[in-house]
Protein backbone atom coordinates (compact mmCIF):
# COMPACT_ATOMS: atom_id res chain seq x y z
CA UNK A 1 0.00 0.00 0.00
CA UNK A 2 2.96 2.31 0.63
CA UNK A 3 4.68 1.57 -2.68
CA UNK A 4 4.34 4.51 -5.08
CA UNK A 5 2.19 6.48 -2.62
CA UNK A 6 4.01 9.78 -3.07
CA UNK A 7 4.13 9.50 -6.85
CA UNK A 8 0.38 8.87 -6.79
CA UNK A 9 -0.27 11.95 -4.61
CA UNK A 10 2.07 14.16 -6.66
CA UNK A 11 0.40 13.00 -9.86
CA UNK A 12 -2.92 14.36 -8.62
CA UNK A 13 -1.42 17.60 -7.29
CA UNK A 14 0.69 18.63 -10.28
CA UNK A 15 -2.16 19.87 -12.50
CA UNK A 16 -4.09 21.91 -9.88
CA UNK A 17 -0.89 23.35 -8.42
CA UNK A 18 0.31 24.34 -11.89
CA UNK A 19 -2.99 26.10 -12.58
CA UNK A 20 -2.86 27.83 -9.20
CA UNK A 21 0.68 29.08 -9.80
CA UNK A 22 -0.18 30.21 -13.35
CA UNK A 23 -3.43 32.05 -12.59
CA UNK A 24 -2.92 33.17 -8.96
CA UNK A 25 0.72 33.29 -7.87
CA UNK A 26 2.19 34.52 -11.16
CA UNK A 27 -0.22 37.51 -11.51
CA UNK A 28 0.70 38.54 -7.96
CA UNK A 29 4.40 38.44 -8.86
CA UNK A 30 3.72 40.43 -12.05
CA UNK A 31 1.76 43.04 -10.09
CA UNK A 32 4.61 43.51 -7.63
CA UNK A 33 7.03 43.87 -10.56
CA UNK A 34 4.87 46.43 -12.39
CA UNK A 35 4.46 48.44 -9.19
CA UNK A 36 8.10 49.49 -9.62
CA UNK A 37 7.50 50.80 -13.16
CA UNK A 38 5.74 53.71 -14.89
CA UNK A 39 3.66 51.38 -17.12
CA UNK A 40 0.52 53.04 -18.51
CA UNK A 41 -1.30 49.79 -19.17
CA UNK A 42 -1.50 50.44 -22.91
CA UNK A 43 2.05 50.89 -24.14
CA UNK A 44 4.48 47.96 -24.19
CA UNK A 45 7.24 50.39 -23.25
CA UNK A 46 7.92 51.27 -19.64
CA UNK A 47 10.87 51.90 -17.36
CA UNK A 48 11.74 51.13 -13.78
CA UNK A 49 11.07 53.97 -11.32
CA UNK A 50 12.02 52.24 -8.09
CA UNK A 51 9.92 53.21 -5.07
CA UNK A 52 8.47 56.35 -6.69
CA UNK A 53 4.97 54.81 -6.92
CA UNK A 54 5.06 53.81 -3.25
CA UNK A 55 6.20 57.31 -2.24
CA UNK A 56 3.41 58.80 -4.33
CA UNK A 57 0.90 56.45 -2.72
CA UNK A 58 1.93 57.41 0.82
CA UNK A 59 1.46 61.10 -0.08
CA UNK A 60 -1.88 60.51 -1.83
CA UNK A 61 -4.86 61.79 0.18
CA UNK A 62 -7.30 59.84 -1.99
CA UNK A 63 -5.44 56.62 -1.20
CA UNK A 64 -5.75 57.23 2.54
CA UNK A 65 -9.46 58.03 2.18
CA UNK A 66 -9.95 54.84 0.18
CA UNK A 67 -8.01 52.84 2.76
CA UNK A 68 -10.11 54.28 5.56
CA UNK A 69 -13.36 53.40 3.78
CA UNK A 70 -12.16 49.87 2.96
CA UNK A 71 -11.09 49.19 6.54
CA UNK A 72 -14.42 50.55 7.78
CA UNK A 73 -16.27 48.16 5.47
CA UNK A 74 -14.05 45.23 6.46
CA UNK A 75 -14.66 45.82 10.19
CA UNK A 76 -18.31 46.92 10.37
CA UNK A 77 -19.83 44.93 7.53
CA UNK A 78 -18.96 41.47 8.94
CA UNK A 79 -19.93 42.60 12.44
CA UNK A 80 -23.42 43.73 11.40
CA UNK A 81 -24.01 41.00 8.81
CA UNK A 82 -22.92 38.07 10.96
CA UNK A 83 -24.69 39.49 14.01
CA UNK A 84 -27.99 39.71 12.16
CA UNK A 85 -27.47 36.31 10.54
CA UNK A 86 -26.80 34.64 13.89
CA UNK A 87 -29.89 36.24 15.43
CA UNK A 88 -32.17 35.24 12.55
CA UNK A 89 -30.74 31.71 12.35
CA UNK A 90 -31.15 31.23 16.10
CA UNK A 91 -34.77 32.37 15.95
CA UNK A 92 -35.48 30.12 12.96
CA UNK A 93 -34.03 27.05 14.67
CA UNK A 94 -34.31 27.49 18.43
CA UNK A 95 -36.11 30.71 19.24
CA UNK A 96 -39.73 29.62 18.79
CA UNK A 97 -42.23 28.77 21.48
CA UNK A 98 -42.25 25.30 22.95
CA UNK A 99 -44.65 23.00 21.18
CA UNK A 100 -46.20 19.72 22.06
CA UNK A 101 -43.67 16.92 21.70
CA UNK A 102 -40.70 19.28 21.19
CA UNK A 103 -38.74 21.08 23.88
CA UNK A 104 -37.22 23.47 21.34
CA UNK A 105 -38.42 24.65 17.96
CA UNK A 106 -37.96 27.49 15.55
CA UNK A 107 -40.52 30.19 14.84
CA UNK A 108 -43.50 29.19 12.74
CA UNK A 109 -42.90 29.43 9.03
CA UNK A 110 -39.13 29.13 9.42
CA UNK A 111 -38.84 27.35 6.06
CA UNK A 112 -40.44 30.30 4.27
CA UNK A 113 -38.21 32.77 6.11
CA UNK A 114 -35.08 30.92 5.06
CA UNK A 115 -36.13 31.19 1.41
CA UNK A 116 -36.98 34.88 1.84
CA UNK A 117 -33.65 35.65 3.51
CA UNK A 118 -31.71 33.73 0.86
CA UNK A 119 -33.53 35.38 -2.08
CA UNK A 120 -31.02 38.28 -2.50
CA UNK A 121 -28.30 35.69 -3.16
CA UNK A 122 -30.13 34.70 -6.33
CA UNK A 123 -29.73 38.22 -7.71
CA UNK A 124 -26.49 39.48 -9.19
CA UNK A 125 -24.77 42.17 -7.13
CA UNK A 126 -25.01 44.44 -10.18
CA UNK A 127 -28.79 44.01 -10.31
CA UNK A 128 -29.08 44.68 -6.58
CA UNK A 129 -27.00 47.86 -6.93
CA UNK A 130 -29.09 49.15 -9.84
CA UNK A 131 -32.37 48.44 -8.04
CA UNK A 132 -31.28 50.27 -4.91
CA UNK A 133 -29.82 53.11 -6.96
CA UNK A 134 -33.32 53.72 -8.33
CA UNK A 135 -34.85 53.23 -4.87
CA UNK A 136 -32.59 55.90 -3.34
CA UNK A 137 -33.09 58.38 -6.17
CA UNK A 138 -33.80 61.73 -4.43
CA UNK A 139 -36.52 62.85 -6.85
CA UNK A 140 -38.30 59.71 -8.03
CA UNK A 141 -37.03 56.96 -5.73
CA UNK A 142 -39.36 54.73 -3.75
CA UNK A 143 -37.77 55.56 -0.38
CA UNK A 144 -38.11 59.34 -0.64
CA UNK A 145 -41.53 58.91 -2.22
CA UNK A 146 -42.66 56.90 0.80
CA UNK A 147 -41.20 59.46 3.22
CA UNK A 148 -43.03 62.28 1.43
CA UNK A 149 -46.27 60.28 1.47
CA UNK A 150 -46.16 60.00 5.27
CA UNK A 151 -45.42 63.70 5.76
CA UNK A 152 -41.63 64.14 5.56
CA UNK A 153 -41.00 67.02 3.17
CA UNK A 154 -37.29 67.52 3.85
CA UNK A 155 -36.03 64.23 2.44
CA UNK A 156 -32.29 63.54 2.14
CA UNK A 157 -30.24 63.00 -0.99
CA UNK A 158 -29.07 59.58 0.14
CA UNK A 159 -26.30 59.00 -2.39
CA UNK A 160 -25.47 62.67 -2.93
CA UNK A 161 -24.69 63.47 0.69
CA UNK A 162 -21.04 62.75 1.62
CA UNK A 163 -22.12 61.95 5.18
CA UNK A 164 -24.74 59.38 4.14
CA UNK A 165 -23.56 57.76 0.91
CA UNK A 166 -21.14 55.19 2.35
CA UNK A 167 -23.61 54.17 5.08
CA UNK A 168 -26.35 53.67 2.50
CA UNK A 169 -24.07 51.47 0.40
CA UNK A 170 -23.07 49.51 3.50
CA UNK A 171 -26.75 48.94 4.34
CA UNK A 172 -27.35 47.54 0.86
CA UNK A 173 -24.39 45.18 1.25
CA UNK A 174 -25.79 43.98 4.57
CA UNK A 175 -29.19 43.37 2.95
CA UNK A 176 -27.81 41.28 0.10
CA UNK A 177 -25.33 39.18 2.12
CA UNK A 178 -27.14 38.40 5.38
CA UNK A 179 -29.34 35.68 3.86
CA UNK A 180 -26.39 33.52 2.83
CA UNK A 181 -25.09 33.40 6.39
CA UNK A 182 -28.59 32.79 7.79
CA UNK A 183 -28.76 29.59 5.75
CA UNK A 184 -25.14 28.70 6.60
CA UNK A 185 -25.64 29.16 10.34
CA UNK A 186 -28.99 27.39 10.23
CA UNK A 187 -27.28 24.34 8.76
CA UNK A 188 -24.69 24.49 11.54
CA UNK A 189 -27.32 24.83 14.26
CA UNK A 190 -29.29 21.91 12.86
CA UNK A 191 -26.25 19.69 13.51
CA UNK A 192 -26.06 20.62 17.22
CA UNK A 193 -27.72 17.88 19.31
CA UNK A 194 -31.06 19.06 20.68
CA UNK A 195 -30.24 17.33 23.96
CA UNK A 196 -27.90 20.23 24.77
CA UNK A 197 -30.71 22.75 24.47
CA UNK A 198 -33.22 20.57 26.31
CA UNK A 199 -30.84 20.04 29.23
CA UNK A 200 -30.11 23.79 29.41
CA UNK A 201 -33.81 24.69 29.36
CA UNK A 202 -34.57 22.12 32.05
CA UNK A 203 -31.91 23.78 34.21
CA UNK A 204 -33.69 27.10 33.77
CA UNK A 205 -31.40 28.68 31.17
CA UNK A 206 -32.89 31.49 29.07
CA UNK A 207 -32.71 31.77 25.28
CA UNK A 208 -30.02 34.41 25.75
CA UNK A 209 -27.93 32.05 27.86
CA UNK A 210 -28.33 29.09 25.51
CA UNK A 211 -27.20 31.22 22.59
CA UNK A 212 -23.98 32.39 24.24
CA UNK A 213 -23.24 29.17 26.14
CA UNK A 214 -24.19 26.56 23.54
CA UNK A 215 -24.90 27.89 20.06
CA UNK A 216 -22.12 30.43 19.60
CA UNK A 217 -19.26 28.27 21.02
CA UNK A 218 -20.26 25.29 18.87
CA UNK A 219 -20.58 27.50 15.76
CA UNK A 220 -17.43 29.50 16.41
CA UNK A 221 -15.36 27.94 13.59
CA UNK A 222 -18.13 28.71 11.11
CA UNK A 223 -18.49 32.27 12.40
CA UNK A 224 -14.74 32.84 12.17
CA UNK A 225 -14.61 31.58 8.58
CA UNK A 226 -17.63 33.70 7.73
CA UNK A 227 -15.92 36.77 9.19
CA UNK A 228 -12.86 36.27 6.99
CA UNK A 229 -15.01 35.56 3.92
CA UNK A 230 -17.21 38.62 4.56
CA UNK A 231 -14.17 40.85 5.05
CA UNK A 232 -12.62 39.67 1.79
CA UNK A 233 -15.92 40.40 0.00
CA UNK A 234 -15.95 43.90 1.47
CA UNK A 235 -12.35 44.50 0.40
CA UNK A 236 -12.81 42.91 -3.02
CA UNK A 237 -15.34 42.36 -5.77
CA UNK A 238 -18.56 42.99 -3.83
CA UNK A 239 -17.34 46.28 -2.40
CA UNK A 240 -16.03 47.41 -5.79
CA UNK A 241 -19.15 46.51 -7.78
CA UNK A 242 -21.72 48.11 -5.51
CA UNK A 243 -19.71 51.32 -5.01
CA UNK A 244 -18.96 51.60 -8.72
CA UNK A 245 -22.64 51.30 -9.66
CA UNK A 246 -24.44 53.10 -6.84
CA UNK A 247 -22.14 55.98 -5.95
CA UNK A 248 -21.97 59.38 -7.66
CA UNK A 249 -18.89 59.74 -9.81
CA UNK A 250 -18.31 56.82 -9.06
CA UNK A 251 -16.58 57.14 -5.72
CA UNK A 252 -18.21 60.43 -4.75
CA UNK A 253 -19.37 62.80 -3.73
CA UNK A 254 -15.97 64.21 -2.77
CA UNK A 255 -14.43 60.71 -2.66
CA UNK A 256 -16.69 59.85 0.29
CA UNK A 257 -17.36 56.34 -1.06
CA UNK A 258 -14.08 55.54 -2.82
CA UNK A 259 -12.65 52.19 -1.74
CA UNK A 260 -9.32 50.63 -2.64
CA UNK A 261 -10.55 48.28 -5.42
CA UNK A 262 -12.36 51.20 -7.09
CA UNK A 263 -9.27 53.41 -6.83
CA UNK A 264 -7.18 50.66 -8.42
CA UNK A 265 -9.67 50.47 -11.31
CA UNK A 266 -9.79 54.25 -11.80
CA UNK A 267 -6.01 54.65 -11.67
CA UNK A 268 -5.49 51.92 -14.25
CA UNK A 269 -8.34 52.40 -16.74
CA UNK A 270 -9.36 56.04 -16.27
CA UNK A 271 -6.03 57.71 -15.53
CA UNK A 272 -3.77 55.36 -17.52
CA UNK A 273 -1.46 54.75 -14.55
CA UNK A 274 -1.30 50.97 -14.44
CA UNK A 275 2.00 50.98 -12.58
CA UNK A 276 0.56 53.14 -9.81
CA UNK A 277 -2.63 51.05 -9.81
CA UNK A 278 -0.64 47.88 -9.17
CA UNK A 279 1.08 49.66 -6.28
CA UNK A 280 -2.33 50.30 -4.70
CA UNK A 281 -3.19 46.68 -5.49
CA UNK A 282 -0.16 45.53 -3.53
CA UNK A 283 -1.33 47.66 -0.59
CA UNK A 284 -4.80 46.10 -0.91
CA UNK A 285 -3.24 42.63 -0.84
CA UNK A 286 -1.35 43.47 2.35
CA UNK A 287 -4.50 44.89 3.98
CA UNK A 288 -6.46 41.75 3.07
CA UNK A 289 -3.77 39.41 4.40
CA UNK A 290 -3.46 41.46 7.59
CA UNK A 291 -7.22 41.42 8.10
CA UNK A 292 -7.42 37.63 7.67
CA UNK A 293 -4.42 37.08 9.97
CA UNK A 294 -5.86 39.32 12.72
CA UNK A 295 -9.28 37.66 12.58
CA UNK A 296 -7.77 34.17 12.72
CA UNK A 297 -5.42 35.17 15.55
CA UNK A 298 -7.95 37.04 17.68
CA UNK A 299 -10.65 34.43 17.11
CA UNK A 300 -8.44 31.46 17.93
CA UNK A 301 -9.92 29.22 20.60
CA UNK A 302 -10.02 25.58 21.58
CA UNK A 303 -12.10 23.50 19.20
CA UNK A 304 -15.23 22.01 20.78
CA UNK A 305 -16.37 18.53 19.80
CA UNK A 306 -19.91 17.22 20.08
Foldseek 3Di string as FASTA:
>chain_A
DPPCPVVVVVVVVVVVVVVCCVPPVVVLVVLVVLLQWQALQPDPDIDGNGCPLVVVLVVDPLNVLQAVLLVVLLPPLLVVLLVVLLVLLCQQAFVDDDDPPGRGGHHPPSVVVLCVQQVLVVDDLLVLLVLVLQQLQCPRHVVNVVVVVVPDPPDDNQQADLVRNSVSLSVSVSSNPNSVSNVVLNVQVVPFDCVVVNVCVVVPDDSVCCCVPPSCQQCLVVSLVSSLVSSCCSLDDSVQSSQVRRHVVRCDDVNSSNHLVNVLVCVRPVVSRNSSSSVSVVVSVVVSVVSSVVSCVVSDDDHDDD
